[in-house]
Amino acid sequence: MLKRSKIPRDINQLAKMVVDMSTGNAPPEPEQAAKNPAAVALGKLGGAKGGAARAKSLSASKRKAIAKLAAAKRWGKK
């Protein structure tokens, strides 16, 4: 996830930053570190299995109770 650059609180520093950005003299953004492809693959594998494995382990009545609770939270009055 990209992080926002810090905005200075001092009005003069903010003005300088705006001028630098508009003229193209702003410092370059720091590069993001590359993700480990093996870790990304493992994360996707676990995420793909998770919901199906949980649904298989729950009984129909338990799934129905969870769905009712979710619907009540989603559509209930605030």
Protein backbone atom coordinates (compact mmCIF):
# COMPACT_ATOMS: atom_id res chain seq x y z
CA MET A 1 0.00 0.00 0.00
CA LEU A 2 1.33 3.41 -0.90
CA LYS A 3 1.97 5.80 1.92
CA ARG A 4 1.09 9.46 1.61
CA SER A 5 3.87 12.00 1.74
CA LYS A 6 3.96 14.11 4.86
CA ILE A 7 2.38 17.53 4.44
CA PRO A 8 4.30 20.20 6.34
CA ARG A 9 2.37 22.23 8.90
CA ASP A 10 4.37 25.39 8.35
CA ILE A 11 2.69 27.54 5.69
CA ASN A 12 6.01 28.53 4.12
CA GLN A 13 7.20 24.93 3.81
CA LEU A 14 3.82 23.97 2.37
CA ALA A 15 4.05 26.76 -0.21
CA LYS A 16 7.55 25.62 -1.19
CA MET A 17 6.34 22.04 -1.53
CA VAL A 18 3.44 23.12 -3.78
CA VAL A 19 5.79 25.16 -5.98
CA ASP A 20 8.28 22.28 -6.18
CA MET A 21 5.55 19.83 -7.13
CA SER A 22 4.09 22.13 -9.79
CA THR A 23 7.48 22.86 -11.38
CA GLY A 24 8.63 19.23 -11.29
CA ASN A 25 11.40 19.79 -8.74
CA ALA A 26 9.83 17.59 -6.06
CA PRO A 27 12.02 14.82 -4.66
CA PRO A 28 11.31 11.39 -6.17
CA GLU A 29 8.93 9.07 -4.35
CA PRO A 30 10.64 6.20 -2.51
CA GLU A 31 10.29 2.88 -4.32
CA GLN A 32 8.21 0.09 -2.85
CA ALA A 33 10.01 -3.07 -1.82
CA ALA A 34 9.20 -6.02 -4.07
CA LYS A 35 7.08 -8.74 -2.50
CA ASN A 36 8.39 -12.25 -2.10
CA PRO A 37 6.63 -14.29 -4.84
CA ALA A 38 6.66 -17.45 -2.72
CA ALA A 39 4.90 -15.66 0.14
CA VAL A 40 2.33 -14.18 -2.25
CA ALA A 41 1.59 -17.64 -3.68
CA LEU A 42 1.15 -19.12 -0.19
CA GLY A 43 -1.19 -16.30 0.81
CA LYS A 44 -3.36 -16.77 -2.26
CA LEU A 45 -3.45 -20.52 -1.72
CA GLY A 46 -4.65 -20.20 1.86
CA GLY A 47 -7.17 -17.50 0.97
CA ALA A 48 -8.67 -19.61 -1.80
CA LYS A 49 -9.11 -22.59 0.51
CA GLY A 50 -10.34 -20.75 3.61
CA GLY A 51 -13.97 -19.99 2.82
CA ALA A 52 -14.70 -23.34 1.21
CA ALA A 53 -13.10 -25.25 4.10
CA ARG A 54 -15.10 -23.28 6.65
CA ALA A 55 -18.36 -23.80 4.78
CA LYS A 56 -17.68 -27.53 4.55
CA SER A 57 -16.97 -27.80 8.28
CA LEU A 58 -20.18 -25.98 9.35
CA SER A 59 -23.56 -27.64 9.48
CA ALA A 60 -26.43 -26.21 7.44
CA SER A 61 -28.19 -24.90 10.53
CA LYS A 62 -25.03 -23.19 11.80
CA ARG A 63 -24.44 -21.55 8.37
CA LYS A 64 -28.06 -20.37 8.37
CA ALA A 65 -27.69 -18.85 11.85
CA ILE A 66 -24.50 -17.03 10.82
CA ALA A 67 -26.20 -15.72 7.66
CA LYS A 68 -29.20 -14.46 9.64
CA LEU A 69 -26.94 -12.67 12.11
CA ALA A 70 -24.98 -11.07 9.24
CA ALA A 71 -28.18 -9.93 7.51
CA ALA A 72 -29.52 -8.47 10.75
CA LYS A 73 -26.30 -6.51 11.27
CA ARG A 74 -26.22 -5.37 7.66
CA TRP A 75 -29.85 -4.30 7.34
CA GLY A 76 -30.78 -3.58 10.96
CA LYS A 77 -31.48 -0.10 12.28
CA LYS A 78 -28.55 1.95 13.47
